[in-house]
Amino acid sequence: MGIKIVMKRCDLKLYRGYANKNELVVFGHVVKKYPSGDRKYTRSGFRYARTIIELFSIKTIPFLKVTLHVGNATYETRAEADGYFRFQVPFQEAMASGWHTYEVTVDDEWNGKKYHAQSTEEFFLPYKTSYGLISDIDDTFLISHSRRSFKKLFLLLSKNVQARKPFDDVVKHYQLLSFASRTHPQKDSNVFFYVSSSEWNLYDMIVRFSQLNGLPKAVMKLKKIKSGLDDFVMTGGGSHEHKLRKIHNIINFYPELQFILLGDDSQKDPEIYEEICRTFTGNIRAVYMRQTRKRNKPHTTILLKQIQDMGIETCYFAHSNKAILHSLEHGLVFQTPAEPAVAEEVKEIVSKAIS
């Protein structure tokens, strides 16, 4: 008797990718079932807590063959033991700068089960005059209380994306930086990376929070996915070495860009960014560091002084209006866009930012 193959449903959870003139990087997870639907993120009370618990109960599927389709090219790889897959592939098709679509499919067997799935997402190709913006998430633009584990967990479980808050004026600052340019600003011309110790489980929550609050569209680089409630209690904790590694990879991928780094002093951003600046001194235009606790100020001030001594602009601030003024005064946003409509938008953002 032959082996009976059972057809099984699976989902592909894809994330925004990025490209340069030679290569494309996209990534995602193969999962049994991914909680979907925007309404999940606007529930309240126990129903919202259940949404978060569902996200941390995702079951991944290992070792399936995954196929990438982009432009006229097709590539294959195999998912890792935790269902994660990553493509870094040659990509030299003529393509305009900005956001573009890629597709991933699964059609494979594993342990006597046949899986099929298809999904699409976007990747970003920067403009030649772009800046790269690399920002932390928790307590950099999203109020999270990341140093206080139980308060962070309570906030995560009890406050939906409509109830979570960004810091005052941080959205104005990020919108302003989205027009930063060494020559001619264009709308959405810069590539933003949100690099965090939050896990991939929270990707959709962060995307929806960013959209709701008007933060620039970004590529996200998060921490290894978790698949159980035992891990959930330690969300966002542990080593932050992955952030250092991922920032290294981003800057190496875009050697022609200058980068602006944004973080906070609640965890390890000052140490990570100081090391990044020592390694990539010529690639870093400025470092912005939010002050979250007075007790962290002396140590952070020393590290930022070391960065300044490398010839890199720094701004240590408790309120984002100080960071906004720094960006204007130090020429990060100094050209008027050629397109009248975009010029008016920049003027409006600047007017609101400094009012």
Foldseek 3Di string as FASTA:
>chain_A
DDQAAAEAEKEWAWFAWAAEQWKTKTKTFIWRDADDDPVQQVDADQSVLVSLQVLQQIQGDFFFKKWKADDPDIDIDTGHPRRMDMDIGTDNDDDDFFKDKIKMWTFGDDPRYTYTYIDMDIYGYADLFAAEEEEEDDPQFWPQPLLDLVSNSCCSNGAGLVRTGTAPLPQLQQLLLCQFGPPAGDHNRYAYEHEAAAEPSCVVRVQVSCVVVVHRDYGYHYDHRHNDPVCVSQGRDDDPVVSLVVVVVVCVNPVSHAYEYTYEQSDCVLVSVLVVCVVNVVRYAEYEYAYDDPVSPVVSVVSVVSSVVSVHHYYYYNHCLSVNVVCDVVRSRDDQHPDPVVSVVSVVSNVVSND
